[in-house]
Amino acid sequence: MDKKKILVVDDEENIRILYSEELRDEGYDVIVASNAEEADIKIKESSPDLITLDIKMPGMDGIDFLRKVREHDKNIPIVMCSAYSDYKQDFRTWASEAYVVKSSDMVELKSIIREILKKGRSR
């Protein structure tokens, strides 16, 4: 079985490192990007199976990037990640599959990713 590819998009290096290590331990292939522009390139290069997307980033923020991705690919699952729970009420985040408040405890995020990838997606 092919390893599922996850693209982690976050401007904070420590978050990219944490997510990469934790998700690799779960058996995923992990690609990282530090901003929307870089993420855009990585999506075209590697067609990830799922994207974790930070909301607050310099340049294009996660919500605008989510909309941009949805214009090209309605099927790729996107999990919005933010340190702020108030974005959960923002209807613009509803185009994502899930919304996770960042935490050093990765249990919720890993569980959500597992569930979404289990459902599968058609390319």
PDB file of N, CA and C in Angstrom:
ATOM      1  N   MET A   1       0.838  -1.196   0.000  1.00  0.00           N
ATOM      2  CA  MET A   1       0.000   0.000   0.000  1.00  0.00           C
ATOM      3  C   MET A   1       0.875   1.248   0.000  1.00  0.00           C
ATOM      4  N   ASP A   2       0.512   2.195  -0.825  1.00  0.00           N
ATOM      5  CA  ASP A   2       1.274   3.437  -0.883  1.00  0.00           C
ATOM      6  C   ASP A   2       1.105   4.240   0.393  1.00  0.00           C
ATOM      7  N   LYS A   3       2.184   4.889   0.791  1.00  0.00           N
ATOM      8  CA  LYS A   3       2.111   5.794   1.934  1.00  0.00           C
ATOM      9  C   LYS A   3       1.280   7.000   1.526  1.00  0.00           C
ATOM     10  N   LYS A   4       0.442   7.465   2.422  1.00  0.00           N
ATOM     11  CA  LYS A   4      -0.331   8.671   2.158  1.00  0.00           C
ATOM     12  C   LYS A   4       0.586   9.870   2.369  1.00  0.00           C
ATOM     13  N   LYS A   5       0.430  10.861   1.478  1.00  0.00           N
ATOM     14  CA  LYS A   5       1.262  12.059   1.548  1.00  0.00           C
ATOM     15  C   LYS A   5       0.485  13.200   2.201  1.00  0.00           C
ATOM     16  N   ILE A   6       1.114  13.807   3.184  1.00  0.00           N
ATOM     17  CA  ILE A   6       0.491  14.938   3.868  1.00  0.00           C
ATOM     18  C   ILE A   6       1.372  16.164   3.694  1.00  0.00           C
ATOM     19  N   LEU A   7       0.747  17.254   3.284  1.00  0.00           N
ATOM     20  CA  LEU A   7       1.451  18.530   3.174  1.00  0.00           C
ATOM     21  C   LEU A   7       1.113  19.355   4.406  1.00  0.00           C
ATOM     22  N   VAL A   8       2.145  19.724   5.160  1.00  0.00           N
ATOM     23  CA  VAL A   8       1.976  20.559   6.354  1.00  0.00           C
ATOM     24  C   VAL A   8       2.358  21.984   5.980  1.00  0.00           C
ATOM     25  N   VAL A   9       1.390  22.902   6.073  1.00  0.00           N
ATOM     26  CA  VAL A   9       1.637  24.302   5.725  1.00  0.00           C
ATOM     27  C   VAL A   9       1.533  25.138   7.001  1.00  0.00           C
ATOM     28  N   ASP A  10       2.663  25.662   7.441  1.00  0.00           N
ATOM     29  CA  ASP A  10       2.683  26.475   8.665  1.00  0.00           C
ATOM     30  C   ASP A  10       3.915  27.367   8.635  1.00  0.00           C
ATOM     31  N   ASP A  11       3.761  28.616   9.037  1.00  0.00           N
ATOM     32  CA  ASP A  11       4.902  29.529   9.018  1.00  0.00           C
ATOM     33  C   ASP A  11       5.819  29.329  10.219  1.00  0.00           C
ATOM     34  N   GLU A  12       5.372  28.579  11.229  1.00  0.00           N
ATOM     35  CA  GLU A  12       6.210  28.345  12.404  1.00  0.00           C
ATOM     36  C   GLU A  12       7.006  27.058  12.225  1.00  0.00           C
ATOM     37  N   GLU A  13       8.319  27.209  12.228  1.00  0.00           N
ATOM     38  CA  GLU A  13       9.184  26.045  11.997  1.00  0.00           C
ATOM     39  C   GLU A  13       8.966  24.953  13.037  1.00  0.00           C
ATOM     40  N   ASN A  14       8.801  25.342  14.309  1.00  0.00           N
ATOM     41  CA  ASN A  14       8.635  24.319  15.357  1.00  0.00           C
ATOM     42  C   ASN A  14       7.369  23.489  15.137  1.00  0.00           C
ATOM     43  N   ILE A  15       6.329  24.104  14.605  1.00  0.00           N
ATOM     44  CA  ILE A  15       5.096  23.365  14.294  1.00  0.00           C
ATOM     45  C   ILE A  15       5.346  22.414  13.125  1.00  0.00           C
ATOM     46  N   ARG A  16       6.045  22.903  12.092  1.00  0.00           N
ATOM     47  CA  ARG A  16       6.353  22.033  10.943  1.00  0.00           C
ATOM     48  C   ARG A  16       7.159  20.817  11.394  1.00  0.00           C
ATOM     49  N   ILE A  17       8.124  21.040  12.293  1.00  0.00           N
ATOM     50  CA  ILE A  17       8.955  19.937  12.788  1.00  0.00           C
ATOM     51  C   ILE A  17       8.106  18.960  13.611  1.00  0.00           C
ATOM     52  N   LEU A  18       7.317  19.492  14.535  1.00  0.00           N
ATOM     53  CA  LEU A  18       6.467  18.649  15.386  1.00  0.00           C
ATOM     54  C   LEU A  18       5.515  17.811  14.534  1.00  0.00           C
ATOM     55  N   TYR A  19       4.780  18.459  13.626  1.00  0.00           N
ATOM     56  CA  TYR A  19       3.814  17.748  12.786  1.00  0.00           C
ATOM     57  C   TYR A  19       4.526  16.704  11.922  1.00  0.00           C
ATOM     58  N   SER A  20       5.673  17.081  11.346  1.00  0.00           N
ATOM     59  CA  SER A  20       6.413  16.154  10.487  1.00  0.00           C
ATOM     60  C   SER A  20       6.801  14.902  11.247  1.00  0.00           C
ATOM     61  N   GLU A  21       7.409  15.093  12.428  1.00  0.00           N
ATOM     62  CA  GLU A  21       7.868  13.948  13.210  1.00  0.00           C
ATOM     63  C   GLU A  21       6.700  13.064  13.630  1.00  0.00           C
ATOM     64  N   GLU A  22       5.661  13.697  14.154  1.00  0.00           N
ATOM     65  CA  GLU A  22       4.503  12.933  14.647  1.00  0.00           C
ATOM     66  C   GLU A  22       3.804  12.189  13.509  1.00  0.00           C
ATOM     67  N   LEU A  23       3.642  12.842  12.375  1.00  0.00           N
ATOM     68  CA  LEU A  23       2.927  12.208  11.255  1.00  0.00           C
ATOM     69  C   LEU A  23       3.781  11.143  10.572  1.00  0.00           C
ATOM     70  N   ARG A  24       5.089  11.352  10.529  1.00  0.00           N
ATOM     71  CA  ARG A  24       5.975  10.303   9.986  1.00  0.00           C
ATOM     72  C   ARG A  24       5.908   9.068  10.876  1.00  0.00           C
ATOM     73  N   ASP A  25       5.853   9.286  12.204  1.00  0.00           N
ATOM     74  CA  ASP A  25       5.732   8.164  13.136  1.00  0.00           C
ATOM     75  C   ASP A  25       4.445   7.371  12.879  1.00  0.00           C
ATOM     76  N   GLU A  26       3.440   8.037  12.343  1.00  0.00           N
ATOM     77  CA  GLU A  26       2.172   7.368  12.023  1.00  0.00           C
ATOM     78  C   GLU A  26       2.242   6.664  10.669  1.00  0.00           C
ATOM     79  N   GLY A  27       3.369   6.822   9.971  1.00  0.00           N
ATOM     80  CA  GLY A  27       3.531   6.118   8.701  1.00  0.00           C
ATOM     81  C   GLY A  27       3.218   6.944   7.458  1.00  0.00           C
ATOM     82  N   TYR A  28       3.063   8.253   7.632  1.00  0.00           N
ATOM     83  CA  TYR A  28       2.775   9.098   6.470  1.00  0.00           C
ATOM     84  C   TYR A  28       4.056   9.653   5.864  1.00  0.00           C
ATOM     85  N   ASP A  29       3.971   9.992   4.601  1.00  0.00           N
ATOM     86  CA  ASP A  29       5.004  10.747   3.912  1.00  0.00           C
ATOM     87  C   ASP A  29       4.683  12.209   4.183  1.00  0.00           C
ATOM     88  N   VAL A  30       5.618  12.995   4.672  1.00  0.00           N
ATOM     89  CA  VAL A  30       5.300  14.380   5.023  1.00  0.00           C
ATOM     90  C   VAL A  30       6.133  15.355   4.200  1.00  0.00           C
ATOM     91  N   ILE A  31       5.440  16.337   3.645  1.00  0.00           N
ATOM     92  CA  ILE A  31       6.075  17.426   2.898  1.00  0.00           C
ATOM     93  C   ILE A  31       5.715  18.688   3.671  1.00  0.00           C
ATOM     94  N   VAL A  32       6.622  19.660   3.740  1.00  0.00           N
ATOM     95  CA  VAL A  32       6.303  20.887   4.473  1.00  0.00           C
ATOM     96  C   VAL A  32       6.444  22.119   3.590  1.00  0.00           C
ATOM     97  N   ALA A  33       5.668  23.142   3.948  1.00  0.00           N
ATOM     98  CA  ALA A  33       5.761  24.436   3.281  1.00  0.00           C
ATOM     99  C   ALA A  33       5.571  25.502   4.347  1.00  0.00           C
ATOM    100  N   SER A  34       6.282  26.620   4.203  1.00  0.00           N
ATOM    101  CA  SER A  34       6.205  27.653   5.241  1.00  0.00           C
ATOM    102  C   SER A  34       5.222  28.777   4.901  1.00  0.00           C
ATOM    103  N   ASN A  35       4.673  28.753   3.680  1.00  0.00           N
ATOM    104  CA  ASN A  35       3.682  29.773   3.327  1.00  0.00           C
ATOM    105  C   ASN A  35       2.833  29.270   2.153  1.00  0.00           C
ATOM    106  N   ALA A  36       1.833  30.044   1.787  1.00  0.00           N
ATOM    107  CA  ALA A  36       0.892  29.640   0.741  1.00  0.00           C
ATOM    108  C   ALA A  36       1.572  29.475  -0.615  1.00  0.00           C
ATOM    109  N   GLU A  37       2.477  30.378  -0.930  1.00  0.00           N
ATOM    110  CA  GLU A  37       3.151  30.317  -2.237  1.00  0.00           C
ATOM    111  C   GLU A  37       3.934  29.012  -2.366  1.00  0.00           C
ATOM    112  N   GLU A  38       4.683  28.684  -1.311  1.00  0.00           N
ATOM    113  CA  GLU A  38       5.469  27.450  -1.303  1.00  0.00           C
ATOM    114  C   GLU A  38       4.529  26.236  -1.357  1.00  0.00           C
ATOM    115  N   ALA A  39       3.444  26.305  -0.621  1.00  0.00           N
ATOM    116  CA  ALA A  39       2.472  25.206  -0.591  1.00  0.00           C
ATOM    117  C   ALA A  39       1.879  24.972  -1.972  1.00  0.00           C
ATOM    118  N   ASP A  40       1.608  26.038  -2.679  1.00  0.00           N
ATOM    119  CA  ASP A  40       1.039  25.951  -4.024  1.00  0.00           C
ATOM    120  C   ASP A  40       1.954  25.129  -4.937  1.00  0.00           C
ATOM    121  N   ILE A  41       3.239  25.404  -4.859  1.00  0.00           N
ATOM    122  CA  ILE A  41       4.234  24.686  -5.663  1.00  0.00           C
ATOM    123  C   ILE A  41       4.269  23.209  -5.252  1.00  0.00           C
ATOM    124  N   LYS A  42       4.294  22.957  -3.933  1.00  0.00           N
ATOM    125  CA  LYS A  42       4.380  21.580  -3.430  1.00  0.00           C
ATOM    126  C   LYS A  42       3.151  20.762  -3.835  1.00  0.00           C
ATOM    127  N   ILE A  43       1.981  21.401  -3.856  1.00  0.00           N
ATOM    128  CA  ILE A  43       0.762  20.692  -4.258  1.00  0.00           C
ATOM    129  C   ILE A  43       0.892  20.235  -5.708  1.00  0.00           C
ATOM    130  N   LYS A  44       1.376  21.128  -6.563  1.00  0.00           N
ATOM    131  CA  LYS A  44       1.534  20.784  -7.982  1.00  0.00           C
ATOM    132  C   LYS A  44       2.594  19.705  -8.172  1.00  0.00           C
ATOM    133  N   GLU A  45       3.686  19.776  -7.399  1.00  0.00           N
ATOM    134  CA  GLU A  45       4.789  18.809  -7.524  1.00  0.00           C
ATOM    135  C   GLU A  45       4.430  17.423  -7.002  1.00  0.00           C
ATOM    136  N   SER A  46       3.731  17.377  -5.867  1.00  0.00           N
ATOM    137  CA  SER A  46       3.608  16.083  -5.194  1.00  0.00           C
ATOM    138  C   SER A  46       2.191  15.588  -4.942  1.00  0.00           C
ATOM    139  N   SER A  47       1.161  16.314  -5.377  1.00  0.00           N
ATOM    140  CA  SER A  47      -0.236  15.892  -5.164  1.00  0.00           C
ATOM    141  C   SER A  47      -0.463  15.206  -3.821  1.00  0.00           C
ATOM    142  N   PRO A  48      -0.431  15.965  -2.735  1.00  0.00           N
ATOM    143  CA  PRO A  48      -0.630  15.343  -1.416  1.00  0.00           C
ATOM    144  C   PRO A  48      -2.043  14.765  -1.276  1.00  0.00           C
ATOM    145  N   ASP A  49      -2.189  13.802  -0.366  1.00  0.00           N
ATOM    146  CA  ASP A  49      -3.492  13.191  -0.099  1.00  0.00           C
ATOM    147  C   ASP A  49      -4.297  14.024   0.889  1.00  0.00           C
ATOM    148  N   LEU A  50      -3.594  14.876   1.643  1.00  0.00           N
ATOM    149  CA  LEU A  50      -4.254  15.704   2.641  1.00  0.00           C
ATOM    150  C   LEU A  50      -3.335  16.887   2.956  1.00  0.00           C
ATOM    151  N   ILE A  51      -3.943  18.011   3.330  1.00  0.00           N
ATOM    152  CA  ILE A  51      -3.164  19.206   3.689  1.00  0.00           C
ATOM    153  C   ILE A  51      -3.579  19.657   5.086  1.00  0.00           C
ATOM    154  N   THR A  52      -2.586  19.936   5.937  1.00  0.00           N
ATOM    155  CA  THR A  52      -2.892  20.649   7.189  1.00  0.00           C
ATOM    156  C   THR A  52      -2.473  22.082   6.923  1.00  0.00           C
ATOM    157  N   LEU A  53      -3.356  23.001   7.244  1.00  0.00           N
ATOM    158  CA  LEU A  53      -3.160  24.383   6.837  1.00  0.00           C
ATOM    159  C   LEU A  53      -3.327  25.344   8.004  1.00  0.00           C
ATOM    160  N   ASP A  54      -2.275  26.086   8.281  1.00  0.00           N
ATOM    161  CA  ASP A  54      -2.309  27.117   9.313  1.00  0.00           C
ATOM    162  C   ASP A  54      -3.151  28.281   8.795  1.00  0.00           C
ATOM    163  N   ILE A  55      -3.833  28.979   9.674  1.00  0.00           N
ATOM    164  CA  ILE A  55      -4.650  30.114   9.228  1.00  0.00           C
ATOM    165  C   ILE A  55      -3.831  31.391   9.183  1.00  0.00           C
ATOM    166  N   LYS A  56      -3.146  31.708  10.279  1.00  0.00           N
ATOM    167  CA  LYS A  56      -2.396  32.965  10.324  1.00  0.00           C
ATOM    168  C   LYS A  56      -0.989  32.769   9.777  1.00  0.00           C
ATOM    169  N   MET A  57      -0.779  33.268   8.553  1.00  0.00           N
ATOM    170  CA  MET A  57       0.546  33.194   7.932  1.00  0.00           C
ATOM    171  C   MET A  57       0.814  34.522   7.247  1.00  0.00           C
ATOM    172  N   PRO A  58       2.077  34.894   7.135  1.00  0.00           N
ATOM    173  CA  PRO A  58       2.398  36.118   6.394  1.00  0.00           C
ATOM    174  C   PRO A  58       2.052  35.924   4.911  1.00  0.00           C
ATOM    175  N   GLY A  59       1.769  37.011   4.225  1.00  0.00           N
ATOM    176  CA  GLY A  59       1.367  36.888   2.821  1.00  0.00           C
ATOM    177  C   GLY A  59      -0.075  36.408   2.778  1.00  0.00           C
ATOM    178  N   MET A  60      -0.354  35.461   1.911  1.00  0.00           N
ATOM    179  CA  MET A  60      -1.712  34.920   1.816  1.00  0.00           C
ATOM    180  C   MET A  60      -1.996  34.065   3.043  1.00  0.00           C
ATOM    181  N   ASP A  61      -3.104  34.355   3.743  1.00  0.00           N
ATOM    182  CA  ASP A  61      -3.406  33.556   4.935  1.00  0.00           C
ATOM    183  C   ASP A  61      -4.067  32.233   4.536  1.00  0.00           C
ATOM    184  N   GLY A  62      -4.242  31.372   5.506  1.00  0.00           N
ATOM    185  CA  GLY A  62      -4.764  30.032   5.254  1.00  0.00           C
ATOM    186  C   GLY A  62      -6.166  30.020   4.677  1.00  0.00           C
ATOM    187  N   ILE A  63      -7.001  30.972   5.102  1.00  0.00           N
ATOM    188  CA  ILE A  63      -8.381  31.000   4.608  1.00  0.00           C
ATOM    189  C   ILE A  63      -8.408  31.348   3.121  1.00  0.00           C
ATOM    190  N   ASP A  64      -7.609  32.331   2.721  1.00  0.00           N
ATOM    191  CA  ASP A  64      -7.544  32.677   1.295  1.00  0.00           C
ATOM    192  C   ASP A  64      -6.934  31.538   0.488  1.00  0.00           C
ATOM    193  N   PHE A  65      -5.930  30.876   1.077  1.00  0.00           N
ATOM    194  CA  PHE A  65      -5.288  29.778   0.369  1.00  0.00           C
ATOM    195  C   PHE A  65      -6.256  28.595   0.224  1.00  0.00           C
ATOM    196  N   LEU A  66      -7.041  28.347   1.259  1.00  0.00           N
ATOM    197  CA  LEU A  66      -8.063  27.297   1.204  1.00  0.00           C
ATOM    198  C   LEU A  66      -8.992  27.538   0.011  1.00  0.00           C
ATOM    199  N   ARG A  67      -9.431  28.769  -0.131  1.00  0.00           N
ATOM    200  CA  ARG A  67     -10.333  29.116  -1.235  1.00  0.00           C
ATOM    201  C   ARG A  67      -9.634  28.890  -2.578  1.00  0.00           C
ATOM    202  N   LYS A  68      -8.365  29.275  -2.656  1.00  0.00           N
ATOM    203  CA  LYS A  68      -7.605  29.105  -3.892  1.00  0.00           C
ATOM    204  C   LYS A  68      -7.466  27.617  -4.257  1.00  0.00           C
ATOM    205  N   VAL A  69      -7.151  26.789  -3.255  1.00  0.00           N
ATOM    206  CA  VAL A  69      -7.012  25.352  -3.503  1.00  0.00           C
ATOM    207  C   VAL A  69      -8.342  24.774  -3.975  1.00  0.00           C
ATOM    208  N   ARG A  70      -9.443  25.178  -3.328  1.00  0.00           N
ATOM    209  CA  ARG A  70     -10.770  24.659  -3.662  1.00  0.00           C
ATOM    210  C   ARG A  70     -11.172  25.003  -5.101  1.00  0.00           C
ATOM    211  N   GLU A  71     -10.653  26.107  -5.632  1.00  0.00           N
ATOM    212  CA  GLU A  71     -10.972  26.474  -7.012  1.00  0.00           C
ATOM    213  C   GLU A  71     -10.405  25.447  -7.986  1.00  0.00           C
ATOM    214  N   HIS A  72      -9.269  24.814  -7.621  1.00  0.00           N
ATOM    215  CA  HIS A  72      -8.600  23.870  -8.513  1.00  0.00           C
ATOM    216  C   HIS A  72      -8.888  22.417  -8.159  1.00  0.00           C
ATOM    217  N   ASP A  73      -9.100  22.143  -6.879  1.00  0.00           N
ATOM    218  CA  ASP A  73      -9.286  20.768  -6.435  1.00  0.00           C
ATOM    219  C   ASP A  73     -10.302  20.743  -5.302  1.00  0.00           C
ATOM    220  N   LYS A  74     -11.496  20.287  -5.628  1.00  0.00           N
ATOM    221  CA  LYS A  74     -12.553  20.260  -4.610  1.00  0.00           C
ATOM    222  C   LYS A  74     -12.430  19.041  -3.699  1.00  0.00           C
ATOM    223  N   ASN A  75     -11.600  18.062  -4.105  1.00  0.00           N
ATOM    224  CA  ASN A  75     -11.552  16.793  -3.385  1.00  0.00           C
ATOM    225  C   ASN A  75     -10.461  16.671  -2.341  1.00  0.00           C
ATOM    226  N   ILE A  76      -9.395  17.447  -2.466  1.00  0.00           N
ATOM    227  CA  ILE A  76      -8.283  17.242  -1.530  1.00  0.00           C
ATOM    228  C   ILE A  76      -8.710  17.651  -0.121  1.00  0.00           C
ATOM    229  N   PRO A  77      -8.588  16.730   0.838  1.00  0.00           N
ATOM    230  CA  PRO A  77      -8.994  17.069   2.202  1.00  0.00           C
ATOM    231  C   PRO A  77      -8.037  18.088   2.818  1.00  0.00           C
ATOM    232  N   ILE A  78      -8.622  19.080   3.474  1.00  0.00           N
ATOM    233  CA  ILE A  78      -7.824  20.116   4.135  1.00  0.00           C
ATOM    234  C   ILE A  78      -8.262  20.230   5.584  1.00  0.00           C
ATOM    235  N   VAL A  79      -7.287  20.171   6.481  1.00  0.00           N
ATOM    236  CA  VAL A  79      -7.553  20.338   7.906  1.00  0.00           C
ATOM    237  C   VAL A  79      -6.970  21.683   8.302  1.00  0.00           C
ATOM    238  N   MET A  80      -7.828  22.599   8.704  1.00  0.00           N
ATOM    239  CA  MET A  80      -7.376  23.917   9.146  1.00  0.00           C
ATOM    240  C   MET A  80      -6.835  23.787  10.561  1.00  0.00           C
ATOM    241  N   CYS A  81      -5.686  24.406  10.811  1.00  0.00           N
ATOM    242  CA  CYS A  81      -5.069  24.363  12.136  1.00  0.00           C
ATOM    243  C   CYS A  81      -4.804  25.797  12.576  1.00  0.00           C
ATOM    244  N   SER A  82      -5.225  26.109  13.773  1.00  0.00           N
ATOM    245  CA  SER A  82      -4.975  27.454  14.265  1.00  0.00           C
ATOM    246  C   SER A  82      -4.814  27.438  15.771  1.00  0.00           C
ATOM    247  N   ALA A  83      -4.090  28.404  16.269  1.00  0.00           N
ATOM    248  CA  ALA A  83      -3.955  28.538  17.721  1.00  0.00           C
ATOM    249  C   ALA A  83      -5.217  29.187  18.300  1.00  0.00           C
ATOM    250  N   TYR A  84      -6.088  29.667  17.414  1.00  0.00           N
ATOM    251  CA  TYR A  84      -7.263  30.418  17.857  1.00  0.00           C
ATOM    252  C   TYR A  84      -8.541  29.669  17.532  1.00  0.00           C
ATOM    253  N   SER A  85      -9.328  29.363  18.567  1.00  0.00           N
ATOM    254  CA  SER A  85     -10.553  28.598  18.329  1.00  0.00           C
ATOM    255  C   SER A  85     -11.643  29.448  17.693  1.00  0.00           C
ATOM    256  N   ASP A  86     -11.530  30.783  17.754  1.00  0.00           N
ATOM    257  CA  ASP A  86     -12.609  31.621  17.232  1.00  0.00           C
ATOM    258  C   ASP A  86     -12.780  31.523  15.713  1.00  0.00           C
ATOM    259  N   TYR A  87     -11.760  31.055  15.010  1.00  0.00           N
ATOM    260  CA  TYR A  87     -11.902  30.906  13.558  1.00  0.00           C
ATOM    261  C   TYR A  87     -12.884  29.795  13.204  1.00  0.00           C
ATOM    262  N   LYS A  88     -13.139  28.911  14.162  1.00  0.00           N
ATOM    263  CA  LYS A  88     -14.067  27.804  13.923  1.00  0.00           C
ATOM    264  C   LYS A  88     -15.437  28.346  13.515  1.00  0.00           C
ATOM    265  N   GLN A  89     -15.784  29.521  14.001  1.00  0.00           N
ATOM    266  CA  GLN A  89     -17.083  30.126  13.687  1.00  0.00           C
ATOM    267  C   GLN A  89     -17.067  30.837  12.333  1.00  0.00           C
ATOM    268  N   ASP A  90     -15.880  31.023  11.767  1.00  0.00           N
ATOM    269  CA  ASP A  90     -15.752  31.745  10.495  1.00  0.00           C
ATOM    270  C   ASP A  90     -16.207  30.836   9.359  1.00  0.00           C
ATOM    271  N   PHE A  91     -17.281  31.216   8.693  1.00  0.00           N
ATOM    272  CA  PHE A  91     -17.843  30.352   7.653  1.00  0.00           C
ATOM    273  C   PHE A  91     -16.841  30.048   6.546  1.00  0.00           C
ATOM    274  N   ARG A  92     -15.828  30.895   6.376  1.00  0.00           N
ATOM    275  CA  ARG A  92     -14.849  30.653   5.312  1.00  0.00           C
ATOM    276  C   ARG A  92     -13.993  29.421   5.586  1.00  0.00           C
ATOM    277  N   THR A  93     -13.934  28.971   6.848  1.00  0.00           N
ATOM    278  CA  THR A  93     -13.170  27.757   7.156  1.00  0.00           C
ATOM    279  C   THR A  93     -14.009  26.504   6.907  1.00  0.00           C
ATOM    280  N   TRP A  94     -15.294  26.671   6.637  1.00  0.00           N
ATOM    281  CA  TRP A  94     -16.178  25.512   6.490  1.00  0.00           C
ATOM    282  C   TRP A  94     -15.915  24.727   5.216  1.00  0.00           C
ATOM    283  N   ALA A  95     -15.149  25.279   4.293  1.00  0.00           N
ATOM    284  CA  ALA A  95     -14.811  24.545   3.066  1.00  0.00           C
ATOM    285  C   ALA A  95     -13.755  23.485   3.357  1.00  0.00           C
ATOM    286  N   SER A  96     -13.233  23.488   4.585  1.00  0.00           N
ATOM    287  CA  SER A  96     -12.240  22.478   4.964  1.00  0.00           C
ATOM    288  C   SER A  96     -12.976  21.274   5.574  1.00  0.00           C
ATOM    289  N   GLU A  97     -12.276  20.154   5.647  1.00  0.00           N
ATOM    290  CA  GLU A  97     -12.878  18.938   6.226  1.00  0.00           C
ATOM    291  C   GLU A  97     -12.952  19.022   7.740  1.00  0.00           C
ATOM    292  N   ALA A  98     -12.006  19.728   8.341  1.00  0.00           N
ATOM    293  CA  ALA A  98     -11.959  19.771   9.800  1.00  0.00           C
ATOM    294  C   ALA A  98     -11.203  21.016  10.248  1.00  0.00           C
ATOM    295  N   TYR A  99     -11.382  21.334  11.522  1.00  0.00           N
ATOM    296  CA  TYR A  99     -10.723  22.489  12.123  1.00  0.00           C
ATOM    297  C   TYR A  99     -10.147  22.019  13.448  1.00  0.00           C
ATOM    298  N   VAL A 100      -8.848  22.203  13.624  1.00  0.00           N
ATOM    299  CA  VAL A 100      -8.199  21.744  14.849  1.00  0.00           C
ATOM    300  C   VAL A 100      -7.473  22.916  15.493  1.00  0.00           C
ATOM    301  N   VAL A 101      -7.674  23.072  16.796  1.00  0.00           N
ATOM    302  CA  VAL A 101      -6.926  24.090  17.526  1.00  0.00           C
ATOM    303  C   VAL A 101      -5.562  23.484  17.835  1.00  0.00           C
ATOM    304  N   LYS A 102      -4.504  24.219  17.460  1.00  0.00           N
ATOM    305  CA  LYS A 102      -3.133  23.709  17.631  1.00  0.00           C
ATOM    306  C   LYS A 102      -2.849  23.361  19.081  1.00  0.00           C
ATOM    307  N   SER A 103      -2.120  22.265  19.231  1.00  0.00           N
ATOM    308  CA  SER A 103      -1.763  21.805  20.559  1.00  0.00           C
ATOM    309  C   SER A 103      -0.534  20.918  20.406  1.00  0.00           C
ATOM    310  N   SER A 104       0.268  20.834  21.464  1.00  0.00           N
ATOM    311  CA  SER A 104       1.424  19.931  21.381  1.00  0.00           C
ATOM    312  C   SER A 104       0.943  18.491  21.491  1.00  0.00           C
ATOM    313  N   ASP A 105      -0.299  18.316  21.943  1.00  0.00           N
ATOM    314  CA  ASP A 105      -0.908  16.992  21.980  1.00  0.00           C
ATOM    315  C   ASP A 105      -1.539  16.740  20.614  1.00  0.00           C
ATOM    316  N   MET A 106      -0.951  15.826  19.883  1.00  0.00           N
ATOM    317  CA  MET A 106      -1.347  15.612  18.493  1.00  0.00           C
ATOM    318  C   MET A 106      -2.471  14.586  18.333  1.00  0.00           C
ATOM    319  N   VAL A 107      -3.029  14.090  19.426  1.00  0.00           N
ATOM    320  CA  VAL A 107      -4.010  13.013  19.360  1.00  0.00           C
ATOM    321  C   VAL A 107      -5.204  13.388  18.479  1.00  0.00           C
ATOM    322  N   GLU A 108      -5.784  14.573  18.706  1.00  0.00           N
ATOM    323  CA  GLU A 108      -6.963  14.986  17.947  1.00  0.00           C
ATOM    324  C   GLU A 108      -6.644  15.105  16.457  1.00  0.00           C
ATOM    325  N   LEU A 109      -5.549  15.778  16.153  1.00  0.00           N
ATOM    326  CA  LEU A 109      -5.175  15.976  14.755  1.00  0.00           C
ATOM    327  C   LEU A 109      -4.929  14.641  14.060  1.00  0.00           C
ATOM    328  N   LYS A 110      -4.160  13.760  14.699  1.00  0.00           N
ATOM    329  CA  LYS A 110      -3.846  12.458  14.082  1.00  0.00           C
ATOM    330  C   LYS A 110      -5.109  11.632  13.872  1.00  0.00           C
ATOM    331  N   SER A 111      -6.013  11.705  14.814  1.00  0.00           N
ATOM    332  CA  SER A 111      -7.264  10.956  14.720  1.00  0.00           C
ATOM    333  C   SER A 111      -8.123  11.489  13.561  1.00  0.00           C
ATOM    334  N   ILE A 112      -8.189  12.799  13.430  1.00  0.00           N
ATOM    335  CA  ILE A 112      -8.955  13.415  12.339  1.00  0.00           C
ATOM    336  C   ILE A 112      -8.346  13.034  10.986  1.00  0.00           C
ATOM    337  N   ILE A 113      -7.031  13.117  10.883  1.00  0.00           N
ATOM    338  CA  ILE A 113      -6.346  12.772   9.635  1.00  0.00           C
ATOM    339  C   ILE A 113      -6.621  11.306   9.284  1.00  0.00           C
ATOM    340  N   ARG A 114      -6.516  10.430  10.268  1.00  0.00           N
ATOM    341  CA  ARG A 114      -6.750   8.996  10.040  1.00  0.00           C
ATOM    342  C   ARG A 114      -8.166   8.774   9.505  1.00  0.00           C
ATOM    343  N   GLU A 115      -9.151   9.412  10.143  1.00  0.00           N
ATOM    344  CA  GLU A 115     -10.551   9.263   9.723  1.00  0.00           C
ATOM    345  C   GLU A 115     -10.766   9.749   8.288  1.00  0.00           C
ATOM    346  N   ILE A 116     -10.230  10.929   7.990  1.00  0.00           N
ATOM    347  CA  ILE A 116     -10.417  11.507   6.664  1.00  0.00           C
ATOM    348  C   ILE A 116      -9.772  10.621   5.593  1.00  0.00           C
ATOM    349  N   LEU A 117      -8.565  10.161   5.853  1.00  0.00           N
ATOM    350  CA  LEU A 117      -7.864   9.337   4.859  1.00  0.00           C
ATOM    351  C   LEU A 117      -8.490   7.963   4.719  1.00  0.00           C
ATOM    352  N   LYS A 118      -9.128   7.473   5.791  1.00  0.00           N
ATOM    353  CA  LYS A 118      -9.794   6.181   5.741  1.00  0.00           C
ATOM    354  C   LYS A 118     -10.984   6.251   4.759  1.00  0.00           C
ATOM    355  N   LYS A 119     -11.665   7.388   4.776  1.00  0.00           N
ATOM    356  CA  LYS A 119     -12.803   7.564   3.868  1.00  0.00           C
ATOM    357  C   LYS A 119     -12.345   7.515   2.425  1.00  0.00           C
ATOM    358  N   GLY A 120     -11.076   7.870   2.223  1.00  0.00           N
ATOM    359  CA  GLY A 120     -10.503   7.822   0.873  1.00  0.00           C
ATOM    360  C   GLY A 120     -10.968   8.994   0.041  1.00  0.00           C
ATOM    361  N   ARG A 121     -10.381   9.086  -1.115  1.00  0.00           N
ATOM    362  CA  ARG A 121     -10.778  10.165  -2.015  1.00  0.00           C
ATOM    363  C   ARG A 121     -10.558   9.697  -3.425  1.00  0.00           C
ATOM    364  N   SER A 122     -11.320  10.231  -4.295  1.00  0.00           N
ATOM    365  CA  SER A 122     -11.160   9.840  -5.698  1.00  0.00           C
ATOM    366  C   SER A 122     -10.378  10.940  -6.396  1.00  0.00           C
ATOM    367  N   ARG A 123      -9.350  10.542  -7.077  1.00  0.00           N
ATOM    368  CA  ARG A 123      -8.533  11.519  -7.815  1.00  0.00           C
ATOM    369  C   ARG A 123      -8.997  11.557  -9.239  1.00  0.00           C
TER     370      ARG A 123
END
